[in-house]
Protein backbone atom coordinates (compact mmCIF):
# COMPACT_ATOMS: atom_id res chain seq x y z
CA MET A 1 119.33 73.31 103.59
CA LEU A 2 118.69 72.70 107.28
CA ASP A 3 116.08 70.08 108.09
CA SER A 4 112.97 71.85 109.38
CA ARG A 5 112.49 69.08 111.95
CA ALA A 6 115.65 70.30 113.69
CA TYR A 7 114.11 73.70 114.40
CA CYS A 8 112.79 74.66 117.82
CA ARG A 9 110.49 77.57 118.34
CA GLY A 10 112.02 80.47 120.21
CA PRO A 11 110.78 81.47 123.63
CA THR A 12 108.81 84.47 122.35
CA ARG A 13 105.56 83.79 120.54
CA GLY A 14 104.83 86.21 117.72
CA THR A 15 107.82 85.69 115.46
CA ALA A 16 108.06 83.61 112.32
CA PHE A 17 111.60 82.70 113.26
CA PHE A 18 113.13 79.61 114.82
CA TYR A 19 116.26 79.11 116.86
CA ILE A 20 119.14 76.64 116.80
CA LEU A 21 121.78 77.01 119.51
CA GLY A 22 120.70 80.60 120.02
CA TYR A 23 120.91 81.59 116.36
CA ARG A 24 117.79 82.94 114.69
CA PHE A 25 116.52 81.46 111.40
CA MET A 26 113.38 81.90 109.36
CA HIS A 27 111.54 78.59 108.97
CA PRO A 28 112.97 77.06 105.78
CA MET A 29 109.58 76.63 104.12
CA LEU A 30 108.57 80.20 104.91
CA ASN A 31 111.94 81.31 103.59
CA ILE A 32 111.20 79.63 100.26
CA ALA A 33 107.78 81.28 100.13
CA VAL A 34 109.38 84.68 100.75
CA ARG A 35 112.04 84.06 98.11
CA ALA A 36 109.40 82.98 95.58
CA ALA A 37 107.17 85.98 96.34
CA ARG A 38 110.02 88.47 95.97
CA THR A 39 111.15 86.85 92.70
CA ALA A 40 107.63 87.07 91.29
CA GLY A 41 107.30 90.60 92.62
CA ASN A 42 110.37 91.65 90.65
CA VAL A 43 108.80 90.25 87.47
CA ILE A 44 105.59 92.18 88.13
CA ALA A 45 107.28 95.46 89.10
CA ARG A 46 109.42 95.48 85.96
CA ALA A 47 106.39 94.84 83.77
CA PHE A 48 104.41 97.57 85.53
CA GLU A 49 106.95 100.11 84.28
CA ASP A 50 105.96 99.37 80.65
CA LEU A 51 102.30 98.31 80.56
CA ASP A 52 102.11 98.82 76.80
CA LYS A 53 103.98 95.53 76.41
CA VAL A 54 101.61 93.57 78.64
CA GLU A 55 99.48 91.02 76.77
CA ALA A 56 96.03 90.30 78.23
CA GLU A 57 93.25 87.90 77.42
CA GLN A 58 89.85 87.14 78.88
CA LYS A 59 89.59 83.71 80.52
CA GLY A 60 86.06 84.05 81.89
CA LEU A 61 83.28 86.50 82.67
CA ASN A 62 84.98 89.75 83.77
CA ASP A 63 88.12 87.70 84.45
CA PHE A 64 91.45 88.46 82.79
CA VAL A 65 94.94 86.99 82.70
CA THR A 66 98.13 88.51 81.38
CA ASN A 67 101.50 87.19 80.31
CA VAL A 68 102.82 88.75 83.53
CA ASP A 69 100.52 86.56 85.65
CA ARG A 70 101.99 83.53 83.89
CA ASP A 71 105.59 84.74 84.08
CA ALA A 72 105.23 85.49 87.79
CA GLU A 73 103.61 82.13 88.39
CA ASN A 74 106.40 80.33 86.54
CA ALA A 75 108.97 82.16 88.66
CA ILE A 76 107.20 81.06 91.86
CA ILE A 77 106.89 77.46 90.74
CA ALA A 78 110.54 77.29 89.67
CA THR A 79 111.66 78.57 93.09
CA ILE A 80 109.49 76.07 94.94
CA ARG A 81 110.42 73.16 92.67
CA LYS A 82 114.13 73.84 93.20
CA ALA A 83 113.71 73.38 96.95
CA TYR A 84 110.79 70.94 97.09
CA PRO A 85 110.43 69.08 93.76
CA ASP A 86 107.94 66.53 95.11
CA HIS A 87 105.37 68.91 96.62
CA THR A 88 101.95 69.59 95.10
CA ILE A 89 101.34 73.04 93.63
CA ILE A 90 97.88 74.57 93.25
CA SER A 91 97.99 77.80 91.28
CA GLU A 92 95.46 80.09 89.68
CA GLU A 93 96.73 79.83 86.12
CA CYS A 94 98.32 76.35 85.92
CA GLY A 95 95.83 74.48 88.10
CA THR A 96 96.93 71.54 90.25
CA GLN A 97 100.27 69.81 89.74
CA THR A 98 100.18 66.83 92.08
CA GLY A 99 103.50 65.82 93.62
CA ALA A 100 104.69 62.60 95.23
CA HIS A 101 104.36 64.27 98.64
CA ASP A 102 100.79 65.52 98.23
CA GLU A 103 100.51 66.29 101.95
CA PHE A 104 102.49 69.45 101.13
CA ARG A 105 100.40 71.81 98.98
CA TRP A 106 101.57 75.23 97.83
CA ILE A 107 98.58 77.48 97.05
CA ILE A 108 99.57 80.34 94.74
CA ASP A 109 98.08 83.50 93.30
CA PRO A 110 100.92 85.08 91.32
CA LEU A 111 99.13 88.41 90.80
CA ASP A 112 96.08 89.14 92.91
CA GLY A 113 94.58 92.29 91.45
CA THR A 114 95.22 91.67 87.76
CA THR A 115 92.64 94.24 86.66
CA ASN A 116 94.33 96.90 88.80
CA PHE A 117 97.69 95.92 87.30
CA MET A 118 96.38 96.10 83.72
CA ARG A 119 94.89 99.55 84.33
CA GLY A 120 97.98 100.95 85.98
CA ILE A 121 96.41 101.06 89.43
CA PRO A 122 99.27 100.37 91.87
CA HIS A 123 97.45 97.98 94.17
CA PHE A 124 98.11 94.24 93.70
CA ALA A 125 100.09 91.47 95.37
CA VAL A 126 101.66 88.04 95.22
CA SER A 127 100.04 85.49 97.54
CA ILE A 128 101.65 82.16 98.51
CA ALA A 129 100.52 79.69 101.17
CA LEU A 130 101.78 76.26 102.17
CA GLN A 131 99.19 73.76 103.39
CA ILE A 132 100.50 70.68 105.23
CA ASN A 133 98.13 67.79 105.92
CA GLY A 134 95.15 70.03 105.29
CA LYS A 135 96.25 73.00 107.43
CA VAL A 136 97.86 76.19 106.16
CA GLU A 137 101.16 76.43 108.03
CA HIS A 138 102.96 79.29 106.25
CA GLY A 139 101.77 82.26 104.24
CA VAL A 140 103.20 85.28 102.45
CA ILE A 141 101.54 88.27 100.79
CA TYR A 142 103.93 90.61 99.00
CA ASP A 143 103.17 94.04 97.58
CA PRO A 144 106.03 94.58 95.10
CA LEU A 145 105.43 98.30 94.56
CA GLN A 146 105.31 99.22 98.24
CA ASN A 147 107.90 96.53 99.04
CA GLU A 148 105.72 95.34 101.93
CA LEU A 149 106.06 91.71 102.95
CA PHE A 150 103.31 90.25 105.13
CA SER A 151 104.15 86.79 106.47
CA ALA A 152 102.92 84.25 109.02
CA SER A 153 103.66 80.78 110.33
CA ARG A 154 101.10 78.80 112.31
CA GLY A 155 101.62 79.36 116.02
CA ALA A 156 104.40 81.88 115.43
CA GLY A 157 102.45 85.08 114.76
CA ALA A 158 102.13 87.40 111.78
CA GLN A 159 104.51 90.11 110.65
CA LEU A 160 104.81 93.04 108.29
CA ASP A 161 108.50 92.85 107.46
CA ASN A 162 109.90 92.48 111.02
CA ARG A 163 107.01 94.15 112.89
CA ARG A 164 104.49 91.96 114.67
CA LEU A 165 100.88 92.38 113.56
CA ARG A 166 97.85 92.49 115.84
CA ILE A 167 94.18 92.86 114.89
CA GLN A 168 92.47 96.04 116.07
CA PRO A 169 90.47 95.16 119.23
CA LYS A 170 87.21 96.83 118.20
CA ARG A 171 84.01 95.50 119.75
CA ASP A 172 81.30 96.80 117.40
CA LEU A 173 80.88 98.15 113.88
CA ASN A 174 80.50 101.79 114.82
CA GLY A 175 83.38 103.77 113.39
CA THR A 176 84.93 100.80 111.61
CA LEU A 177 86.61 100.85 108.21
CA LEU A 178 85.53 97.75 106.30
CA ALA A 179 86.59 96.32 102.94
CA THR A 180 84.80 94.18 100.42
CA GLY A 181 84.82 92.90 96.87
CA PHE A 182 81.87 93.11 94.51
CA PRO A 183 80.57 89.76 93.12
CA PHE A 184 81.58 90.61 89.56
CA LYS A 185 81.99 86.93 88.64
CA ALA A 186 78.74 85.87 90.36
CA ARG A 187 76.24 88.57 89.52
CA GLN A 188 73.31 86.33 90.46
CA HIS A 189 74.11 87.40 94.03
CA THR A 190 74.08 91.13 93.30
CA GLU A 191 70.76 91.92 94.97
CA THR A 192 71.61 90.04 98.16
CA TYR A 193 75.12 91.48 98.19
CA PHE A 194 73.86 95.07 98.15
CA GLU A 195 71.35 94.33 100.91
CA ILE A 196 74.30 93.14 103.01
CA PHE A 197 76.36 96.15 101.94
CA ASN A 198 73.59 98.55 103.00
CA ALA A 199 73.20 96.85 106.39
CA LEU A 200 76.92 97.05 107.14
CA PHE A 201 77.42 100.54 105.69
CA ALA A 202 74.71 101.86 108.02
CA ASP A 203 77.00 101.19 111.01
CA ALA A 204 80.51 101.43 109.58
CA ALA A 205 82.41 104.69 109.16
CA ASP A 206 83.20 103.73 105.55
CA VAL A 207 83.76 100.81 103.18
CA ARG A 208 86.62 100.27 100.71
CA ARG A 209 86.68 98.19 97.52
CA ALA A 210 90.31 98.22 96.40
CA GLY A 211 90.50 95.24 94.04
CA SER A 212 92.83 92.77 95.78
CA ALA A 213 91.38 90.37 98.32
CA ALA A 214 94.85 89.26 99.37
CA LEU A 215 95.88 92.80 100.29
CA ASP A 216 92.52 93.45 101.96
CA LEU A 217 93.12 90.49 104.25
CA ALA A 218 96.72 91.54 104.91
CA TYR A 219 95.48 95.04 105.78
CA VAL A 220 92.97 93.60 108.24
CA ALA A 221 95.79 91.67 109.92
CA ALA A 222 97.84 94.88 110.03
CA GLY A 223 95.01 96.89 111.61
CA ARG A 224 94.61 99.17 108.59
CA LEU A 225 91.13 97.75 108.06
CA ASP A 226 88.74 96.40 110.69
CA GLY A 227 86.89 93.78 108.68
CA PHE A 228 86.35 92.24 105.27
CA TRP A 229 83.74 90.22 103.40
CA GLU A 230 83.44 88.86 99.85
CA ILE A 231 81.48 86.30 97.86
CA GLY A 232 82.98 83.44 95.87
CA LEU A 233 86.73 83.70 96.40
CA LYS A 234 89.10 80.88 95.48
CA PRO A 235 91.58 79.28 97.93
CA TRP A 236 94.54 81.06 96.29
CA ASP A 237 92.81 84.39 96.96
CA PHE A 238 92.64 83.93 100.73
CA ALA A 239 94.76 81.01 102.00
CA ALA A 240 97.73 83.17 102.99
CA GLY A 241 95.53 86.04 104.17
CA GLU A 242 93.47 83.78 106.40
CA LEU A 243 96.60 82.58 108.20
CA LEU A 244 97.81 86.17 108.61
CA ILE A 245 94.52 87.16 110.25
CA ARG A 246 94.39 84.16 112.55
CA GLU A 247 97.98 84.66 113.65
CA ALA A 248 97.27 88.35 114.26
CA GLY A 249 94.45 87.41 116.63
CA GLY A 250 91.46 87.55 114.27
CA LEU A 251 88.85 85.18 112.93
CA VAL A 252 87.77 84.01 109.47
CA SER A 253 84.42 82.35 108.80
CA ASP A 254 81.82 81.78 106.13
CA PHE A 255 78.68 83.93 105.96
CA THR A 256 76.88 81.86 108.61
CA GLY A 257 79.75 81.90 111.10
CA GLY A 258 80.83 78.38 110.16
CA HIS A 259 83.95 76.96 108.56
CA ASN A 260 82.79 76.20 105.03
CA HIS A 261 84.56 79.16 103.42
CA MET A 262 87.31 77.01 101.90
CA THR A 263 84.58 75.32 99.83
CA SER A 264 82.10 78.17 99.32
CA GLY A 265 84.63 80.99 98.99
CA ASN A 266 82.29 83.22 101.00
CA ILE A 267 84.55 85.00 103.49
CA VAL A 268 84.10 87.15 106.57
CA ALA A 269 87.26 88.25 108.41
CA GLY A 270 88.27 90.61 111.18
CA GLY A 271 88.74 90.76 114.91
CA PRO A 272 86.60 88.25 116.83
CA LYS A 273 83.89 90.78 117.76
CA ILE A 274 83.86 92.45 114.34
CA THR A 275 83.59 89.12 112.51
CA ALA A 276 80.69 88.09 114.78
CA ASN A 277 78.94 91.42 114.20
CA ILE A 278 79.32 91.24 110.43
CA VAL A 279 77.92 87.69 110.41
CA SER A 280 75.05 88.75 112.66
CA LYS A 281 74.13 91.56 110.27
CA MET A 282 74.32 89.47 107.11
CA ARG A 283 72.78 86.19 108.31
CA PRO A 284 69.10 87.30 108.07
CA LEU A 285 69.71 88.64 104.55
CA LEU A 286 71.33 85.57 103.02
CA SER A 287 69.78 83.74 100.09
CA ASP A 288 69.69 79.94 100.35
CA ALA A 289 72.69 79.74 97.99
CA LEU A 290 74.81 81.91 100.30
CA LYS A 291 73.95 79.91 103.42
CA ARG A 292 75.91 76.91 102.18
């Protein structure tokens, strides 16, 4: 494998590719993320064809895991370990496996949208991000049924397959299509959540709740959605999606407009103006718990 330190960025910003002597290459770490995502996607797609054989169990309040989540996760980890055996892996099902080179951290959700998958709803994705020295540098979100691969590298733009992604340049909430996720694991925030929902719905054209935060974020980066908010996500839900949005020209913040979302899991995302408008609408409605 070529040493990533030998790569030089090409002259055109907005690609996740690098150049050596005029030849184009995908960054080797992004390449591994793509390979791992596609491998896991194959596991998921095959299982989706025969859901009667899927085994599910409840791991928490309104929170389920299947044997397919675990099989997909194992496939991702095996792919990463083959290339980078000493990196740390943080995954939804297996937790944290600390490596000798802990400055490299792979953040994995093998099947974001498990409930959709279990019910035969064809909307779910694999999400993989690589954090280096505390910053997410590469990210991939893969929809195995639509065969759509969203990818990004820091400073090199975001892509859907080979097409560059740019956030929609909307300035206000009028006519926007927003997405959200209900706080089904944190129902103590239900009343505040619906106050926020009502405030945003009053201005937006419509709001979607599709069941996969990773795909919601990818869709914002692709301009299919204008903005997104959700309470209490985990890093594996949004690490790759956040990079996609930033590299597509958008912003991600917590509910107060700050940068505590990695800890709180409270996410607002969209174009710069849309993110600011969503935060402005929700800030007066926040409980003390959601201001943190």
